[in-house]
Structures are given as C-alpha cells and as structure tokens.
N, C-alpha and C. Protein backbone atom coordinates (compact mmCIF):
# COMPACT_ATOMS: atom_id res chain seq x y z
N MET A 1 0.84 -1.18 0.00
CA MET A 1 0.00 0.00 0.00
C MET A 1 0.89 1.25 0.00
N ILE A 2 0.47 2.21 -0.74
CA ILE A 2 1.21 3.47 -0.84
C ILE A 2 0.83 4.37 0.33
N ARG A 3 1.82 4.87 1.03
CA ARG A 3 1.59 5.83 2.13
C ARG A 3 1.82 7.22 1.55
N ALA A 4 0.78 8.06 1.57
CA ALA A 4 0.85 9.35 0.88
C ALA A 4 0.39 10.51 1.74
N VAL A 5 1.10 11.61 1.59
CA VAL A 5 0.66 12.89 2.14
C VAL A 5 0.00 13.62 0.98
N ILE A 6 -1.25 14.00 1.17
CA ILE A 6 -2.04 14.60 0.10
C ILE A 6 -2.28 16.08 0.40
N ASP A 7 -1.82 16.94 -0.50
CA ASP A 7 -2.04 18.37 -0.38
C ASP A 7 -3.55 18.65 -0.38
N THR A 8 -3.93 19.70 0.29
CA THR A 8 -5.35 20.05 0.43
C THR A 8 -6.03 20.23 -0.92
N ASN A 9 -5.40 20.92 -1.84
CA ASN A 9 -6.02 21.14 -3.15
C ASN A 9 -6.20 19.84 -3.92
N VAL A 10 -5.27 18.92 -3.76
CA VAL A 10 -5.38 17.61 -4.41
C VAL A 10 -6.55 16.84 -3.80
N LEU A 11 -6.63 16.83 -2.46
CA LEU A 11 -7.74 16.14 -1.80
C LEU A 11 -9.06 16.75 -2.24
N LEU A 12 -9.14 18.07 -2.25
CA LEU A 12 -10.37 18.76 -2.63
C LEU A 12 -10.78 18.37 -4.06
N ALA A 13 -9.83 18.33 -4.97
CA ALA A 13 -10.13 17.95 -6.36
C ALA A 13 -10.62 16.52 -6.47
N SER A 14 -10.19 15.67 -5.54
CA SER A 14 -10.57 14.26 -5.60
C SER A 14 -11.95 13.97 -5.02
N LEU A 15 -12.56 14.95 -4.36
CA LEU A 15 -13.84 14.72 -3.70
C LEU A 15 -15.03 14.73 -4.65
N ARG A 16 -14.91 15.41 -5.76
CA ARG A 16 -16.03 15.58 -6.68
C ARG A 16 -16.40 14.27 -7.36
N ARG A 17 -17.61 13.80 -7.09
CA ARG A 17 -18.09 12.56 -7.74
C ARG A 17 -18.10 12.76 -9.25
N GLY A 18 -17.52 11.80 -9.95
CA GLY A 18 -17.46 11.89 -11.41
C GLY A 18 -16.36 12.81 -11.91
N GLY A 19 -15.61 13.41 -10.99
CA GLY A 19 -14.55 14.33 -11.38
C GLY A 19 -13.32 13.59 -11.89
N GLN A 20 -12.46 14.32 -12.53
CA GLN A 20 -11.24 13.78 -13.14
C GLN A 20 -10.34 13.08 -12.13
N TYR A 21 -10.32 13.55 -10.89
CA TYR A 21 -9.41 13.01 -9.89
C TYR A 21 -10.11 12.20 -8.80
N ARG A 22 -11.37 11.86 -9.00
CA ARG A 22 -12.12 11.09 -8.01
C ARG A 22 -11.47 9.74 -7.71
N TRP A 23 -10.75 9.19 -8.70
CA TRP A 23 -10.09 7.90 -8.50
C TRP A 23 -9.18 7.92 -7.27
N LEU A 24 -8.59 9.09 -6.95
CA LEU A 24 -7.69 9.16 -5.81
C LEU A 24 -8.47 8.97 -4.50
N PHE A 25 -9.56 9.68 -4.33
CA PHE A 25 -10.35 9.54 -3.10
C PHE A 25 -10.90 8.11 -2.99
N ASP A 26 -11.32 7.55 -4.11
CA ASP A 26 -11.79 6.16 -4.10
C ASP A 26 -10.66 5.21 -3.69
N ALA A 27 -9.44 5.45 -4.18
CA ALA A 27 -8.30 4.60 -3.81
C ALA A 27 -8.00 4.70 -2.32
N ILE A 28 -8.19 5.88 -1.75
CA ILE A 28 -8.01 6.07 -0.30
C ILE A 28 -9.06 5.26 0.46
N LEU A 29 -10.32 5.41 0.06
CA LEU A 29 -11.40 4.71 0.74
C LEU A 29 -11.30 3.19 0.60
N GLU A 30 -10.78 2.74 -0.54
CA GLU A 30 -10.64 1.30 -0.80
C GLU A 30 -9.39 0.69 -0.17
N GLY A 31 -8.53 1.53 0.41
CA GLY A 31 -7.34 1.01 1.07
C GLY A 31 -6.14 0.81 0.16
N ARG A 32 -6.17 1.36 -1.04
CA ARG A 32 -5.00 1.27 -1.92
C ARG A 32 -4.00 2.38 -1.64
N VAL A 33 -4.45 3.42 -0.95
CA VAL A 33 -3.59 4.53 -0.53
C VAL A 33 -3.84 4.77 0.95
N ALA A 34 -2.77 4.80 1.74
CA ALA A 34 -2.86 5.14 3.16
C ALA A 34 -2.50 6.61 3.30
N VAL A 35 -3.44 7.39 3.78
CA VAL A 35 -3.22 8.83 3.93
C VAL A 35 -2.46 9.09 5.22
N VAL A 36 -1.50 10.00 5.15
CA VAL A 36 -0.78 10.45 6.34
C VAL A 36 -1.44 11.75 6.80
N LEU A 37 -1.82 11.78 8.08
CA LEU A 37 -2.43 12.97 8.67
C LEU A 37 -1.63 13.44 9.87
N SER A 38 -1.55 14.75 10.01
CA SER A 38 -1.02 15.37 11.22
C SER A 38 -2.06 16.40 11.65
N THR A 39 -1.95 16.90 12.86
CA THR A 39 -2.92 17.89 13.33
C THR A 39 -2.96 19.12 12.42
N PRO A 40 -1.80 19.70 12.03
CA PRO A 40 -1.87 20.86 11.14
C PRO A 40 -2.52 20.55 9.79
N ILE A 41 -2.32 19.34 9.27
CA ILE A 41 -2.94 18.96 8.00
C ILE A 41 -4.46 18.86 8.17
N VAL A 42 -4.90 18.22 9.24
CA VAL A 42 -6.34 18.08 9.49
C VAL A 42 -7.00 19.45 9.65
N LEU A 43 -6.32 20.35 10.34
CA LEU A 43 -6.87 21.70 10.51
C LEU A 43 -7.00 22.42 9.17
N GLU A 44 -6.00 22.28 8.30
CA GLU A 44 -6.09 22.92 6.99
C GLU A 44 -7.17 22.25 6.13
N TYR A 45 -7.22 20.92 6.12
CA TYR A 45 -8.28 20.23 5.39
C TYR A 45 -9.64 20.77 5.81
N THR A 46 -9.86 20.84 7.12
CA THR A 46 -11.15 21.29 7.65
C THR A 46 -11.46 22.71 7.20
N GLU A 47 -10.49 23.60 7.33
CA GLU A 47 -10.70 25.00 6.95
C GLU A 47 -11.03 25.15 5.47
N ILE A 48 -10.23 24.53 4.61
CA ILE A 48 -10.40 24.73 3.17
C ILE A 48 -11.63 23.99 2.64
N ILE A 49 -11.85 22.77 3.08
CA ILE A 49 -13.03 22.04 2.60
C ILE A 49 -14.30 22.73 3.05
N THR A 50 -14.32 23.25 4.27
CA THR A 50 -15.48 24.01 4.76
C THR A 50 -15.71 25.25 3.91
N ALA A 51 -14.64 25.97 3.59
CA ALA A 51 -14.76 27.19 2.80
C ALA A 51 -15.25 26.91 1.37
N LYS A 52 -14.83 25.78 0.81
CA LYS A 52 -15.17 25.46 -0.58
C LYS A 52 -16.48 24.67 -0.72
N THR A 53 -16.92 24.03 0.40
CA THR A 53 -18.15 23.23 0.34
C THR A 53 -19.02 23.63 1.52
N THR A 54 -19.19 22.71 2.48
CA THR A 54 -19.97 23.00 3.68
C THR A 54 -19.27 22.40 4.90
N THR A 55 -19.69 22.84 6.07
CA THR A 55 -19.16 22.28 7.31
C THR A 55 -19.45 20.79 7.41
N GLU A 56 -20.64 20.39 6.98
CA GLU A 56 -21.03 18.98 7.03
C GLU A 56 -20.14 18.11 6.13
N ILE A 57 -19.88 18.58 4.93
CA ILE A 57 -19.01 17.82 4.02
C ILE A 57 -17.61 17.72 4.60
N ALA A 58 -17.09 18.82 5.12
CA ALA A 58 -15.75 18.80 5.73
C ALA A 58 -15.69 17.80 6.88
N ALA A 59 -16.69 17.82 7.74
CA ALA A 59 -16.73 16.89 8.88
C ALA A 59 -16.81 15.44 8.40
N ASN A 60 -17.59 15.20 7.36
CA ASN A 60 -17.71 13.84 6.82
C ASN A 60 -16.40 13.35 6.21
N VAL A 61 -15.72 14.21 5.47
CA VAL A 61 -14.45 13.83 4.85
C VAL A 61 -13.40 13.56 5.91
N ILE A 62 -13.25 14.47 6.86
CA ILE A 62 -12.25 14.30 7.92
C ILE A 62 -12.59 13.07 8.76
N GLY A 63 -13.85 12.90 9.07
CA GLY A 63 -14.28 11.73 9.84
C GLY A 63 -13.98 10.43 9.11
N ALA A 64 -14.25 10.40 7.82
CA ALA A 64 -13.98 9.19 7.03
C ALA A 64 -12.49 8.88 7.01
N LEU A 65 -11.67 9.90 6.78
CA LEU A 65 -10.22 9.68 6.76
C LEU A 65 -9.72 9.21 8.12
N ALA A 66 -10.20 9.82 9.17
CA ALA A 66 -9.75 9.48 10.52
C ALA A 66 -10.14 8.06 10.92
N ARG A 67 -11.27 7.58 10.42
CA ARG A 67 -11.75 6.24 10.79
C ARG A 67 -11.11 5.11 10.00
N LEU A 68 -10.49 5.42 8.88
CA LEU A 68 -9.88 4.36 8.08
C LEU A 68 -8.73 3.74 8.85
N ARG A 69 -8.71 2.43 8.95
CA ARG A 69 -7.67 1.77 9.75
C ARG A 69 -6.29 1.90 9.12
N HIS A 70 -6.23 2.20 7.82
CA HIS A 70 -4.93 2.35 7.16
C HIS A 70 -4.45 3.81 7.14
N THR A 71 -5.21 4.74 7.72
CA THR A 71 -4.75 6.12 7.83
C THR A 71 -3.61 6.15 8.85
N HIS A 72 -2.56 6.87 8.50
CA HIS A 72 -1.39 6.96 9.38
C HIS A 72 -1.37 8.34 10.03
N HIS A 73 -1.49 8.37 11.33
CA HIS A 73 -1.43 9.64 12.09
C HIS A 73 0.00 9.85 12.56
N VAL A 74 0.54 11.03 12.30
CA VAL A 74 1.92 11.31 12.68
C VAL A 74 1.98 12.58 13.53
N GLU A 75 2.77 12.52 14.57
CA GLU A 75 3.09 13.70 15.37
C GLU A 75 4.41 14.22 14.83
N VAL A 76 4.41 15.42 14.32
CA VAL A 76 5.63 15.98 13.74
C VAL A 76 6.55 16.44 14.86
N ALA A 77 7.74 15.85 14.90
CA ALA A 77 8.70 16.15 15.96
C ALA A 77 9.69 17.24 15.57
N TYR A 78 9.81 17.48 14.26
CA TYR A 78 10.79 18.47 13.80
C TYR A 78 10.21 19.21 12.60
N ARG A 79 10.39 20.50 12.59
CA ARG A 79 9.94 21.33 11.47
C ARG A 79 11.14 21.62 10.57
N TRP A 80 11.08 21.10 9.35
CA TRP A 80 12.22 21.19 8.43
C TRP A 80 12.34 22.55 7.75
N ARG A 81 11.25 23.25 7.56
CA ARG A 81 11.25 24.57 6.90
C ARG A 81 11.95 24.51 5.54
N LEU A 82 11.45 23.64 4.68
CA LEU A 82 12.07 23.41 3.38
C LEU A 82 11.44 24.19 2.23
N ILE A 83 10.23 24.70 2.42
CA ILE A 83 9.54 25.36 1.31
C ILE A 83 9.55 26.86 1.52
N GLU A 84 10.52 27.51 0.92
CA GLU A 84 10.66 28.95 1.08
C GLU A 84 9.55 29.72 0.37
N ALA A 85 9.11 29.22 -0.78
CA ALA A 85 8.10 29.93 -1.57
C ALA A 85 6.73 29.94 -0.88
N ASP A 86 6.42 28.91 -0.11
CA ASP A 86 5.12 28.82 0.57
C ASP A 86 5.29 28.06 1.89
N PRO A 87 5.80 28.75 2.92
CA PRO A 87 6.08 28.08 4.20
C PRO A 87 4.88 27.39 4.82
N ASP A 88 3.66 27.80 4.46
CA ASP A 88 2.47 27.15 4.99
C ASP A 88 2.38 25.69 4.53
N ASP A 89 3.04 25.37 3.42
CA ASP A 89 3.04 23.99 2.91
C ASP A 89 4.08 23.11 3.60
N ASP A 90 4.91 23.68 4.45
CA ASP A 90 5.90 22.88 5.19
C ASP A 90 5.25 21.75 5.99
N LYS A 91 4.02 21.96 6.43
CA LYS A 91 3.32 20.93 7.23
C LYS A 91 3.25 19.60 6.47
N PHE A 92 3.12 19.67 5.14
CA PHE A 92 3.01 18.46 4.33
C PHE A 92 4.36 17.76 4.22
N VAL A 93 5.42 18.53 4.03
CA VAL A 93 6.77 17.97 3.96
C VAL A 93 7.15 17.37 5.31
N ASP A 94 6.87 18.10 6.38
CA ASP A 94 7.20 17.61 7.72
C ASP A 94 6.50 16.27 8.01
N ALA A 95 5.23 16.17 7.64
CA ALA A 95 4.48 14.93 7.85
C ALA A 95 5.03 13.80 6.99
N ALA A 96 5.38 14.12 5.74
CA ALA A 96 5.92 13.10 4.83
C ALA A 96 7.23 12.53 5.36
N ILE A 97 8.10 13.41 5.83
CA ILE A 97 9.38 12.95 6.38
C ILE A 97 9.15 12.17 7.67
N GLY A 98 8.31 12.71 8.54
CA GLY A 98 8.05 12.06 9.83
C GLY A 98 7.41 10.69 9.70
N ALA A 99 6.60 10.51 8.67
CA ALA A 99 5.89 9.24 8.48
C ALA A 99 6.61 8.29 7.54
N GLY A 100 7.69 8.77 6.92
CA GLY A 100 8.35 7.94 5.92
C GLY A 100 7.44 7.66 4.75
N ALA A 101 6.70 8.68 4.33
CA ALA A 101 5.72 8.53 3.25
C ALA A 101 6.40 8.17 1.93
N ASP A 102 5.66 7.42 1.12
CA ASP A 102 6.14 7.06 -0.21
C ASP A 102 6.03 8.22 -1.17
N VAL A 103 4.97 9.03 -1.01
CA VAL A 103 4.74 10.15 -1.92
C VAL A 103 4.22 11.37 -1.17
N LEU A 104 4.49 12.51 -1.76
CA LEU A 104 3.95 13.78 -1.32
C LEU A 104 3.26 14.36 -2.54
N SER A 105 1.96 14.34 -2.55
CA SER A 105 1.20 14.79 -3.71
C SER A 105 0.80 16.24 -3.51
N HIS A 106 1.02 17.04 -4.52
CA HIS A 106 0.70 18.46 -4.44
C HIS A 106 0.42 19.01 -5.81
N THR A 107 -0.07 20.23 -5.86
CA THR A 107 -0.34 20.88 -7.13
C THR A 107 0.76 21.87 -7.43
N THR A 108 1.06 22.01 -8.71
CA THR A 108 1.99 23.04 -9.16
C THR A 108 1.37 23.68 -10.40
N GLY A 109 0.88 24.89 -10.23
CA GLY A 109 0.21 25.55 -11.35
C GLY A 109 -1.02 24.77 -11.76
N THR A 110 -1.05 24.33 -13.01
CA THR A 110 -2.20 23.57 -13.50
C THR A 110 -1.97 22.07 -13.43
N SER A 111 -0.80 21.65 -12.99
CA SER A 111 -0.49 20.22 -12.91
C SER A 111 -0.91 19.67 -11.56
N MET A 112 -1.38 18.43 -11.53
CA MET A 112 -1.84 17.82 -10.29
C MET A 112 -0.70 17.23 -9.48
N CYS A 113 0.43 16.95 -10.09
CA CYS A 113 1.54 16.40 -9.32
C CYS A 113 2.85 16.78 -9.98
N SER A 114 3.92 16.60 -9.26
CA SER A 114 5.24 16.82 -9.84
C SER A 114 6.03 15.53 -9.68
N ARG A 115 7.22 15.50 -10.13
CA ARG A 115 8.04 14.29 -10.21
C ARG A 115 8.02 13.39 -8.98
N PRO A 116 8.22 13.87 -7.76
CA PRO A 116 8.28 12.93 -6.63
C PRO A 116 7.03 12.08 -6.47
N SER A 117 5.89 12.58 -6.90
CA SER A 117 4.68 11.81 -6.71
C SER A 117 4.11 11.27 -8.02
N ALA A 118 4.85 11.38 -9.10
CA ALA A 118 4.31 11.00 -10.40
C ALA A 118 3.90 9.54 -10.45
N PHE A 119 4.61 8.67 -9.77
CA PHE A 119 4.24 7.25 -9.84
C PHE A 119 2.89 6.97 -9.20
N LEU A 120 2.48 7.78 -8.24
CA LEU A 120 1.16 7.59 -7.65
C LEU A 120 0.10 7.65 -8.73
N TRP A 121 0.21 8.63 -9.58
CA TRP A 121 -0.78 8.82 -10.63
C TRP A 121 -0.72 7.68 -11.65
N SER A 122 0.49 7.26 -12.01
CA SER A 122 0.60 6.21 -13.02
C SER A 122 0.18 4.85 -12.48
N GLU A 123 0.39 4.60 -11.19
CA GLU A 123 0.04 3.32 -10.59
C GLU A 123 -1.45 3.20 -10.30
N LEU A 124 -2.10 4.29 -9.94
CA LEU A 124 -3.47 4.21 -9.44
C LEU A 124 -4.52 4.82 -10.34
N SER A 125 -4.14 5.76 -11.19
CA SER A 125 -5.17 6.42 -11.99
C SER A 125 -5.67 5.50 -13.08
N PRO A 126 -6.93 5.68 -13.46
CA PRO A 126 -7.52 4.81 -14.48
C PRO A 126 -6.92 5.05 -15.86
C-alpha cells in the first residue's frame, strides 16, 4: 500500500463525484492509498473544505479519513522549513518525512503532481 501525504487542493479535487481526480479519493477509501495525517494537516483540510463546500461535508471527509484503519497519524517532531516559496506547505513535507511517506502529492500551477509523486498517478489512476 502506498503511504501518501495529500495536499489540500489535491484532496479537494478528488472529492467531486465523477470528477477527473475522483479515483484518488476512491483509492483512499478502498485502502489502496494510506493517507498520512497530522494535526496541522487536518486543521487545513477542515478550513479549506469548509470554505469550498460546507461544514457537514468537511466533517464527513475528515471523519472518514480518521476512521480508516490504514490512515497513518503522525506527530511531527521536527519542522524542516524546506519550502521557502510557501512556508504554509511545510506541514506536508514535515508529515511526509516524519511518516516515511512514499509520496507527497501536491499541485503546481495547472499540474496535479510533480516528479516525486508521479508514480502515484501512473500506478493508481484509471
């Protein structure tokens, strides 16, 4: 199973039923992808999903992720401060390093992933 840290925008894009990236959320629910969560990631997921949808949808998504037995919860012990362009995204890198994640999925411009996570898309996407 792939252990992945999923950027908020990627998760949000995967929630839309029938959407181009729905396969990712389905892979998470089916246990083909183990999501890595930390408290700062959960807080950002909640904030952004609530802002883009509703409080109920955000609670349902976070609740579903938290209840999955293959979800990996990590307490970040060290802040690496590796992303100078967007320090708010450091939470994803910190969780990926702390959990020994296989991939860190994120958006760059109009692309859904960049090189480090490219195999996630090729292995799991339809």
